[in-house]
């Protein structure tokens, strides 16, 4: 690991590779970055662009912007490319997604129209409710890996890129249990040769990225880099990996509320969550196998935060239900409704009702930006393998096999900022504060 002045400089352009380039999240991200670069908008929701970090003692008032504190790639250095099963340019795709209005899209229309996705790796078995004509013709897994690597090499050459990051913004794949092919790199590479059906398209992208020296971020709940084979490959190739499933609407609220309930030792009887959304993601999740992948990601949050094995009287028997319904009239304007049954002093019951009328892609786009910039920083700082310090951004944060993931949003943020302090040679902040009042 490199620290402070040893971190590789940001010289040259940074390539951003997007599987699922024509989707709602990707096109919202792309339009937003260009609008920010032109001064049309503020980077609201982006920690790297608007966040600060406290350094030293409180009376020192050293609170720089993150982007001024750590050497992050400037937004003007970002160059974009990606794959999608639909061939539409990103302007037409953004119109189809219906997230941004014409006023915002037309302001960056020329930029978006120049972005056309390359043919994608696609297997209908993993996304049953989606099909498109822009698909690679190669049949075997190994041929598909080589086709993606050829795309990456051409992208690097055409834009004179010094570095790249790949972030999966494609659809949620069907639920996949880990199997023998995932247990080691040798088994996985044998599976590639045999076109093993347990190797998903997202894994093919990840393998191509890592073997090309490109950091990989899993923005969906797919089983992808969170398998021993990919962890081994990332370490071997000295490339960072992170995931999974961007933490946006309802789960973000759970990771804010649940730590508060636990901090006050309030009990939980049940937490019922329902979502309605009408975008392409909703259509994909209307398939039971894709929904199961998302459900597993959403259900894991409360168990880990509340630790029922330690607090059995409070959380030993709570009921947690998650429902996602495809409702086309809503488009990308998702509604996440939560009915939370809690109990307090002497066991008296209380209720919390939360109705979050959110915009999924608006919440996700700044996370994509932050992850691209932080993963590039990790690569330049020689931080290889699992990047647990980026758990702040994920529903199911990836961590070492012997650990449990940290889901508490506030602990995640402290971990992220302390990692940046460490990299830049600053003291960690513990918030103890006794030294302001006592000689310790």
Protein backbone atom coordinates (compact mmCIF):
# COMPACT_ATOMS: atom_id res chain seq x y z
CA UNK A 1 0.00 0.00 0.00
CA UNK A 2 1.21 3.47 -0.90
CA UNK A 3 0.56 6.49 1.32
CA UNK A 4 0.54 10.25 0.85
CA UNK A 5 3.26 11.31 -1.61
CA UNK A 6 3.81 7.71 -2.78
CA UNK A 7 0.32 7.45 -4.31
CA UNK A 8 0.50 7.39 -8.10
CA UNK A 9 -0.46 10.71 -9.65
CA UNK A 10 -3.68 11.20 -11.60
CA UNK A 11 -1.85 12.08 -14.82
CA UNK A 12 -3.83 11.13 -17.94
CA UNK A 13 -7.45 10.27 -18.58
CA UNK A 14 -9.46 7.77 -16.55
CA UNK A 15 -11.69 5.40 -18.51
CA UNK A 16 -15.05 4.49 -16.97
CA UNK A 17 -16.37 1.16 -18.27
CA UNK A 18 -20.09 0.54 -17.81
CA UNK A 19 -21.78 -2.82 -18.40
CA UNK A 20 -25.40 -1.70 -18.72
CA UNK A 21 -24.45 1.63 -20.30
CA UNK A 22 -27.92 2.30 -21.70
CA UNK A 23 -29.79 1.75 -18.45
CA UNK A 24 -31.41 4.35 -16.21
CA UNK A 25 -28.56 4.49 -13.68
CA UNK A 26 -25.79 4.77 -16.28
CA UNK A 27 -27.46 7.40 -18.44
CA UNK A 28 -28.41 9.48 -15.38
CA UNK A 29 -24.81 9.23 -14.18
CA UNK A 30 -23.41 10.21 -17.58
CA UNK A 31 -25.76 13.15 -18.10
CA UNK A 32 -25.11 14.36 -14.56
CA UNK A 33 -21.32 14.25 -14.83
CA UNK A 34 -21.39 16.23 -18.07
CA UNK A 35 -23.83 18.79 -16.62
CA UNK A 36 -21.53 19.22 -13.61
CA UNK A 37 -18.47 19.54 -15.83
CA UNK A 38 -20.19 22.33 -17.77
CA UNK A 39 -21.26 24.13 -14.62
CA UNK A 40 -24.98 23.50 -15.18
CA UNK A 41 -25.48 21.67 -11.89
CA UNK A 42 -24.00 20.87 -8.49
CA UNK A 43 -22.79 17.31 -7.68
CA UNK A 44 -25.46 16.80 -5.02
CA UNK A 45 -25.27 13.38 -3.37
CA UNK A 46 -21.57 12.88 -4.14
CA UNK A 47 -19.33 12.55 -1.11
CA UNK A 48 -16.18 12.93 -3.21
CA UNK A 49 -17.34 16.25 -4.66
CA UNK A 50 -19.28 17.88 -1.80
CA UNK A 51 -18.18 16.04 1.35
CA UNK A 52 -15.62 17.19 3.89
CA UNK A 53 -13.29 15.47 6.34
CA UNK A 54 -12.24 16.73 9.75
CA UNK A 55 -8.51 16.64 10.45
CA UNK A 56 -6.88 16.94 13.87
CA UNK A 57 -8.50 18.54 16.91
CA UNK A 58 -11.83 20.34 16.71
CA UNK A 59 -10.31 23.67 17.75
CA UNK A 60 -8.01 23.52 14.71
CA UNK A 61 -10.96 23.86 12.30
CA UNK A 62 -9.21 21.88 9.55
CA UNK A 63 -12.14 20.63 7.47
CA UNK A 64 -11.13 20.37 3.79
CA UNK A 65 -13.28 19.03 0.98
CA UNK A 66 -12.52 15.39 0.29
CA UNK A 67 -11.59 16.18 -3.30
CA UNK A 68 -8.99 18.67 -2.00
CA UNK A 69 -7.66 16.32 0.67
CA UNK A 70 -7.00 13.17 -1.38
CA UNK A 71 -5.69 12.97 -4.97
CA UNK A 72 -8.86 12.07 -6.85
CA UNK A 73 -9.15 12.17 -10.63
CA UNK A 74 -10.70 15.45 -11.85
CA UNK A 75 -14.10 15.07 -13.50
CA UNK A 76 -12.70 16.53 -16.72
CA UNK A 77 -10.37 13.50 -16.99
CA UNK A 78 -13.24 10.98 -17.14
CA UNK A 79 -13.90 9.22 -20.46
CA UNK A 80 -16.81 6.81 -20.86
CA UNK A 81 -17.49 3.55 -22.67
CA UNK A 82 -19.59 0.46 -22.09
CA UNK A 83 -21.86 -2.32 -23.23
CA UNK A 84 -25.61 -2.78 -23.50
CA UNK A 85 -28.04 -5.22 -25.09
CA UNK A 86 -29.80 -2.25 -26.71
CA UNK A 87 -27.84 -0.28 -29.36
CA UNK A 88 -29.41 3.14 -28.69
CA UNK A 89 -27.06 6.04 -28.08
CA UNK A 90 -27.13 7.34 -24.52
CA UNK A 91 -29.34 10.33 -25.33
CA UNK A 92 -32.08 8.12 -26.78
CA UNK A 93 -31.58 5.60 -23.98
CA UNK A 94 -31.93 8.36 -21.38
CA UNK A 95 -35.19 9.52 -23.01
CA UNK A 96 -36.45 5.96 -22.86
CA UNK A 97 -35.44 5.62 -19.19
CA UNK A 98 -37.50 8.71 -18.35
CA UNK A 99 -35.46 9.80 -15.34
CA UNK A 100 -34.30 13.23 -16.49
CA UNK A 101 -36.46 15.79 -18.24
CA UNK A 102 -35.80 17.05 -21.76
CA UNK A 103 -34.43 20.36 -20.48
CA UNK A 104 -31.58 18.64 -18.65
CA UNK A 105 -30.95 16.08 -21.37
CA UNK A 106 -30.94 18.57 -24.23
CA UNK A 107 -28.28 20.62 -22.44
CA UNK A 108 -25.88 17.67 -22.80
CA UNK A 109 -27.43 16.06 -25.89
CA UNK A 110 -24.35 16.18 -28.14
CA UNK A 111 -22.24 14.51 -25.45
CA UNK A 112 -24.77 11.72 -24.86
CA UNK A 113 -25.40 11.09 -28.57
CA UNK A 114 -21.70 10.35 -29.07
CA UNK A 115 -21.86 7.53 -26.53
CA UNK A 116 -23.00 4.30 -28.16
CA UNK A 117 -22.73 0.99 -26.32
CA UNK A 118 -20.72 -1.94 -27.63
CA UNK A 119 -22.45 -5.31 -28.08
CA UNK A 120 -22.98 -6.92 -24.68
CA UNK A 121 -22.40 -10.33 -23.16
CA UNK A 122 -25.91 -11.61 -22.47
CA UNK A 123 -27.53 -14.86 -21.34
CA UNK A 124 -31.32 -14.96 -21.13
CA UNK A 125 -31.10 -17.57 -18.39
CA UNK A 126 -29.82 -14.89 -16.02
CA UNK A 127 -32.22 -12.06 -16.99
CA UNK A 128 -35.46 -13.64 -18.17
CA UNK A 129 -37.51 -10.46 -18.60
CA UNK A 130 -35.03 -8.68 -20.83
CA UNK A 131 -33.85 -9.20 -24.39
CA UNK A 132 -32.10 -7.00 -26.91
CA UNK A 133 -30.40 -7.24 -30.31
CA UNK A 134 -27.00 -5.73 -29.37
CA UNK A 135 -25.37 -8.95 -28.21
CA UNK A 136 -21.93 -10.38 -28.88
CA UNK A 137 -21.94 -13.30 -31.34
CA UNK A 138 -19.21 -15.29 -29.58
CA UNK A 139 -20.52 -18.53 -28.13
CA UNK A 140 -18.03 -19.78 -25.54
CA UNK A 141 -17.15 -18.13 -22.25
CA UNK A 142 -13.49 -17.82 -23.19
CA UNK A 143 -14.36 -16.16 -26.50
CA UNK A 144 -16.59 -13.70 -24.66
CA UNK A 145 -13.81 -12.88 -22.20
CA UNK A 146 -11.45 -12.17 -25.09
CA UNK A 147 -14.10 -10.05 -26.85
CA UNK A 148 -14.52 -7.86 -23.74
CA UNK A 149 -10.75 -7.54 -23.33
CA UNK A 150 -10.49 -6.47 -26.98
CA UNK A 151 -13.10 -3.76 -26.29
CA UNK A 152 -11.13 -2.59 -23.25
CA UNK A 153 -7.85 -2.50 -25.18
CA UNK A 154 -9.42 -0.54 -28.05
CA UNK A 155 -11.03 1.90 -25.61
CA UNK A 156 -7.68 2.50 -23.92
CA UNK A 157 -5.93 3.01 -27.23
CA UNK A 158 -8.56 5.23 -28.85
CA UNK A 159 -8.72 7.63 -25.88
CA UNK A 160 -5.09 7.39 -24.74
CA UNK A 161 -6.19 6.30 -21.29
CA UNK A 162 -3.77 5.87 -18.42
CA UNK A 163 -6.22 3.93 -16.19
CA UNK A 164 -9.70 2.38 -16.19
CA UNK A 165 -12.39 1.34 -13.70
CA UNK A 166 -15.33 -0.96 -14.49
CA UNK A 167 -18.61 -0.70 -12.58
CA UNK A 168 -21.55 -3.02 -13.21
CA UNK A 169 -24.72 -0.95 -13.78
CA UNK A 170 -26.54 -3.72 -15.62
CA UNK A 171 -29.65 -5.62 -14.59
CA UNK A 172 -29.95 -7.88 -11.57
CA UNK A 173 -29.13 -11.44 -12.56
CA UNK A 174 -31.03 -14.52 -11.46
CA UNK A 175 -30.18 -15.89 -8.03
CA UNK A 176 -27.10 -18.09 -8.10
CA UNK A 177 -25.80 -20.28 -5.28
CA UNK A 178 -22.00 -20.58 -5.02
CA UNK A 179 -20.84 -23.86 -6.58
CA UNK A 180 -17.63 -25.78 -7.12
CA UNK A 181 -16.60 -23.65 -10.12
CA UNK A 182 -16.50 -20.58 -7.86
CA UNK A 183 -14.32 -22.04 -5.10
CA UNK A 184 -10.90 -21.40 -6.65
CA UNK A 185 -9.32 -19.62 -9.58
CA UNK A 186 -8.19 -22.90 -11.15
CA UNK A 187 -11.76 -24.25 -10.99
CA UNK A 188 -13.13 -21.01 -12.41
CA UNK A 189 -10.71 -20.95 -15.33
CA UNK A 190 -11.52 -24.60 -16.06
CA UNK A 191 -15.20 -23.55 -16.02
CA UNK A 192 -14.48 -20.79 -18.52
CA UNK A 193 -12.97 -23.36 -20.87
CA UNK A 194 -16.03 -25.59 -20.46
CA UNK A 195 -18.53 -22.69 -20.63
CA UNK A 196 -19.89 -23.73 -17.24
CA UNK A 197 -23.53 -22.54 -16.86
CA UNK A 198 -22.76 -21.39 -13.30
CA UNK A 199 -20.54 -18.63 -14.69
CA UNK A 200 -22.75 -15.60 -15.24
CA UNK A 201 -22.26 -12.69 -17.67
CA UNK A 202 -21.26 -10.41 -14.78
CA UNK A 203 -18.51 -12.88 -13.85
CA UNK A 204 -17.27 -12.88 -17.44
CA UNK A 205 -17.04 -9.09 -17.34
CA UNK A 206 -15.28 -9.19 -13.97
CA UNK A 207 -12.74 -11.77 -15.11
CA UNK A 208 -11.99 -9.75 -18.25
CA UNK A 209 -11.59 -6.57 -16.19
CA UNK A 210 -9.32 -8.01 -13.52
CA UNK A 211 -7.07 -9.80 -16.00
CA UNK A 212 -6.82 -6.47 -17.86
CA UNK A 213 -5.68 -4.73 -14.66
CA UNK A 214 -9.00 -2.88 -14.30
CA UNK A 215 -10.68 -2.47 -10.86
CA UNK A 216 -14.19 -3.92 -10.74
CA UNK A 217 -17.21 -2.68 -8.78
CA UNK A 218 -20.39 -4.73 -8.51
CA UNK A 219 -23.31 -2.30 -8.39
CA UNK A 220 -25.98 -5.05 -8.39
CA UNK A 221 -26.75 -7.91 -5.97
CA UNK A 222 -25.36 -10.51 -8.39
CA UNK A 223 -22.93 -13.16 -7.20
CA UNK A 224 -19.84 -11.86 -9.02
CA UNK A 225 -16.59 -10.87 -7.31
CA UNK A 226 -17.73 -12.13 -3.89
CA UNK A 227 -16.50 -15.65 -4.63
CA UNK A 228 -13.12 -17.17 -3.69
CA UNK A 229 -12.08 -17.44 -7.34
CA UNK A 230 -12.45 -13.69 -7.96
CA UNK A 231 -10.83 -12.72 -4.65
CA UNK A 232 -7.87 -14.92 -5.60
CA UNK A 233 -7.74 -13.38 -9.09
CA UNK A 234 -7.89 -9.82 -7.73
CA UNK A 235 -4.99 -10.53 -5.39
CA UNK A 236 -3.02 -12.23 -8.15
CA UNK A 237 -3.58 -9.35 -10.58
CA UNK A 238 -3.10 -6.73 -7.81
CA UNK A 239 -6.43 -5.06 -8.60
CA UNK A 240 -9.10 -3.76 -6.19
CA UNK A 241 -12.65 -5.16 -6.10
CA UNK A 242 -15.77 -3.93 -4.29
CA UNK A 243 -19.47 -4.61 -4.01
CA UNK A 244 -22.26 -5.32 -3.92
CA UNK A 245 -25.61 -3.70 -4.74
CA UNK A 246 -25.69 0.09 -4.54
CA UNK A 247 -27.34 1.32 -1.35
CA UNK A 248 -29.89 3.85 -2.52
CA UNK A 249 -33.50 4.13 -1.31
CA UNK A 250 -35.18 1.86 1.17
CA UNK A 251 -32.04 0.06 2.33
CA UNK A 252 -30.27 3.38 2.87
CA UNK A 253 -33.11 4.36 5.22
CA UNK A 254 -32.81 1.02 7.06
CA UNK A 255 -29.11 1.57 7.66
CA UNK A 256 -29.97 5.01 9.10
CA UNK A 257 -32.95 3.98 11.26
CA UNK A 258 -31.89 0.55 12.53
CA UNK A 259 -28.66 1.81 14.17
CA UNK A 260 -30.76 4.46 15.94
CA UNK A 261 -33.17 1.87 17.33
CA UNK A 262 -30.27 -0.27 18.50
CA UNK A 263 -28.41 2.68 20.02
CA UNK A 264 -31.47 3.46 22.17
CA UNK A 265 -32.08 -0.24 22.95
CA UNK A 266 -35.59 -0.16 21.49
CA UNK A 267 -36.99 -3.53 20.48
CA UNK A 268 -38.23 -4.63 17.05
CA UNK A 269 -41.20 -6.90 16.42
CA UNK A 270 -41.38 -6.60 12.66
CA UNK A 271 -40.28 -4.60 9.64
CA UNK A 272 -42.44 -4.80 6.52
CA UNK A 273 -41.01 -3.21 3.38
CA UNK A 274 -42.70 -2.87 0.04
CA UNK A 275 -41.47 -1.18 -3.13
CA UNK A 276 -43.23 -0.19 -6.32
CA UNK A 277 -41.24 0.88 -9.37
CA UNK A 278 -41.80 0.84 -13.08
CA UNK A 279 -38.40 1.16 -14.75
CA UNK A 280 -36.40 -1.56 -16.49
CA UNK A 281 -35.04 -2.68 -13.15
CA UNK A 282 -38.58 -3.22 -11.93
CA UNK A 283 -39.40 -5.24 -15.03
CA UNK A 284 -36.32 -7.43 -14.51
CA UNK A 285 -37.16 -7.93 -10.81
CA UNK A 286 -40.65 -9.07 -11.80
CA UNK A 287 -38.99 -12.40 -12.49
CA UNK A 288 -38.86 -14.50 -9.29
CA UNK A 289 -35.23 -15.60 -9.81
CA UNK A 290 -33.93 -12.05 -10.24
CA UNK A 291 -36.11 -10.92 -7.32
CA UNK A 292 -34.58 -13.57 -5.06
CA UNK A 293 -31.12 -12.11 -5.75
CA UNK A 294 -32.35 -8.65 -4.71
CA UNK A 295 -34.32 -10.02 -1.75
CA UNK A 296 -31.26 -11.74 -0.29
CA UNK A 297 -29.36 -8.45 -0.48
CA UNK A 298 -32.14 -6.44 1.17
CA UNK A 299 -32.87 -8.96 3.94
CA UNK A 300 -29.29 -9.21 5.20
CA UNK A 301 -29.11 -5.63 6.47
CA UNK A 302 -31.21 -5.76 9.65
CA UNK A 303 -29.79 -9.05 10.95
CA UNK A 304 -26.25 -7.73 10.81
CA UNK A 305 -27.00 -4.30 12.32
CA UNK A 306 -29.27 -5.48 15.15
CA UNK A 307 -27.22 -8.58 16.11
CA UNK A 308 -30.12 -10.69 17.47
CA UNK A 309 -27.64 -13.26 18.79
CA UNK A 310 -26.39 -10.61 21.26
CA UNK A 311 -29.71 -8.84 21.93
CA UNK A 312 -32.20 -11.69 21.89
CA UNK A 313 -34.72 -9.90 24.14
CA UNK A 314 -34.92 -7.01 21.69
CA UNK A 315 -34.29 -8.56 18.27
CA UNK A 316 -34.38 -12.33 18.69
CA UNK A 317 -37.73 -12.85 17.01
CA UNK A 318 -38.46 -9.94 14.66
CA UNK A 319 -40.24 -10.58 11.35
CA UNK A 320 -38.73 -9.03 8.22
CA UNK A 321 -40.57 -9.02 4.92
CA UNK A 322 -39.50 -7.39 1.63
CA UNK A 323 -41.81 -7.05 -1.40
CA UNK A 324 -40.95 -5.49 -4.77
CA UNK A 325 -43.76 -4.92 -7.27
CA UNK A 326 -43.42 -3.86 -10.88
CA UNK A 327 -45.78 -0.94 -11.49
CA UNK A 328 -45.09 0.69 -14.90
CA UNK A 329 -46.87 4.04 -14.27
CA UNK A 330 -44.22 5.03 -11.70
CA UNK A 331 -41.24 4.66 -14.03
CA UNK A 332 -38.03 5.44 -12.13
CA UNK A 333 -39.93 7.22 -9.33
CA UNK A 334 -39.89 4.40 -6.83
CA UNK A 335 -41.98 4.37 -3.67
CA UNK A 336 -40.55 2.51 -0.71
CA UNK A 337 -43.02 2.07 2.12
CA UNK A 338 -42.01 0.69 5.53
CA UNK A 339 -44.20 -0.35 8.43
CA UNK A 340 -41.97 -0.80 11.50
CA UNK A 341 -43.34 -2.29 14.72
CA UNK A 342 -41.15 -1.50 17.70
CA UNK A 343 -41.50 -1.77 21.47
CA UNK A 344 -40.10 0.21 24.36
CA UNK A 345 -40.18 0.55 28.14
CA UNK A 346 -42.16 -2.28 29.78
CA UNK A 347 -42.72 -3.79 26.34
CA UNK A 348 -45.24 -1.19 25.18
CA UNK A 349 -45.69 -1.29 21.37
CA UNK A 350 -45.11 1.65 19.03
CA UNK A 351 -45.02 2.09 15.27
CA UNK A 352 -42.96 3.97 12.72
CA UNK A 353 -44.39 4.58 9.23
CA UNK A 354 -41.99 5.64 6.51
CA UNK A 355 -43.01 6.45 2.93
CA UNK A 356 -39.97 7.31 0.82
CA UNK A 357 -40.98 8.68 -2.59
CA UNK A 358 -37.54 8.49 -4.09
CA UNK A 359 -35.91 8.47 -7.50
CA UNK A 360 -33.75 5.38 -7.75
CA UNK A 361 -31.34 6.52 -10.43
CA UNK A 362 -30.99 10.02 -8.94
CA UNK A 363 -29.81 8.38 -5.71
CA UNK A 364 -27.58 5.86 -7.51
CA UNK A 365 -25.77 8.17 -9.97
CA UNK A 366 -23.58 10.00 -7.40
CA UNK A 367 -22.65 6.65 -5.85
CA UNK A 368 -21.36 5.48 -9.23
CA UNK A 369 -19.23 8.61 -9.48
CA UNK A 370 -17.79 8.23 -5.98
CA UNK A 371 -17.00 4.55 -6.47
CA UNK A 372 -15.22 5.18 -9.76
CA UNK A 373 -13.04 7.86 -8.19
CA UNK A 374 -12.34 5.96 -4.97
CA UNK A 375 -11.53 2.70 -6.79
CA UNK A 376 -9.12 4.58 -9.03
CA UNK A 377 -7.53 6.02 -5.88
CA UNK A 378 -7.28 2.51 -4.41
CA UNK A 379 -5.54 1.25 -7.55
CA UNK A 380 -3.06 4.13 -7.52
CA UNK A 381 -2.43 3.53 -3.80
CA UNK A 382 -1.75 -0.19 -4.49
CA UNK A 383 -4.74 -1.27 -2.36
CA UNK A 384 -5.52 -4.64 -3.92
CA UNK A 385 -8.33 -7.11 -3.36
CA UNK A 386 -11.47 -6.40 -1.30
CA UNK A 387 -12.05 -2.72 -0.50
CA UNK A 388 -14.15 -3.03 2.65
CA UNK A 389 -13.65 0.66 3.43
CA UNK A 390 -16.16 1.38 0.64
CA UNK A 391 -18.98 -0.51 2.46
CA UNK A 392 -20.74 2.86 2.83
CA UNK A 393 -22.02 2.49 -0.75
CA UNK A 394 -23.43 -1.06 -0.70
CA UNK A 395 -26.43 -3.03 0.52
CA UNK A 396 -24.28 -6.15 0.95
CA UNK A 397 -20.72 -4.96 1.55
CA UNK A 398 -17.99 -7.40 0.58
CA UNK A 399 -15.51 -8.25 3.31
CA UNK A 400 -12.96 -10.93 4.16
CA UNK A 401 -14.37 -14.45 4.48
CA UNK A 402 -13.77 -14.64 8.24
CA UNK A 403 -15.58 -11.34 8.94
CA UNK A 404 -19.20 -10.24 9.00
CA UNK A 405 -20.09 -7.14 6.95
CA UNK A 406 -20.61 -3.80 8.65
CA UNK A 407 -24.00 -2.34 7.69
CA UNK A 408 -24.31 0.62 10.07
CA UNK A 409 -24.14 3.68 7.78
CA UNK A 410 -22.41 5.82 10.41
CA UNK A 411 -19.72 3.26 11.20
CA UNK A 412 -19.24 2.80 7.45
CA UNK A 413 -18.70 6.54 6.98
CA UNK A 414 -16.20 6.65 9.85
CA UNK A 415 -14.33 3.70 8.31
CA UNK A 416 -14.21 5.43 4.91
CA UNK A 417 -12.94 8.75 6.27
CA UNK A 418 -10.42 7.11 8.60
CA UNK A 419 -9.06 5.16 5.62
CA UNK A 420 -8.53 8.43 3.76
CA UNK A 421 -6.89 9.98 6.84
CA UNK A 422 -4.56 7.00 7.07
CA UNK A 423 -3.63 7.20 3.40
CA UNK A 424 -2.77 10.89 3.75
CA UNK A 425 -0.77 10.49 6.98
CA UNK A 426 -3.33 12.13 9.28
CA UNK A 427 -4.40 10.89 12.74
CA UNK A 428 -7.51 8.72 12.98
CA UNK A 429 -10.55 10.39 14.55
CA UNK A 430 -12.07 8.38 17.42
CA UNK A 431 -14.41 11.10 18.77
CA UNK A 432 -13.31 10.25 22.33
CA UNK A 433 -12.85 13.92 23.22
CA UNK A 434 -11.86 13.42 26.88
CA UNK A 435 -8.55 15.15 26.23
CA UNK A 436 -10.46 18.43 25.81
CA UNK A 437 -11.50 18.21 29.46
CA UNK A 438 -8.99 16.00 31.29
CA UNK A 439 -5.25 15.44 31.29
CA UNK A 440 -5.03 11.98 29.73
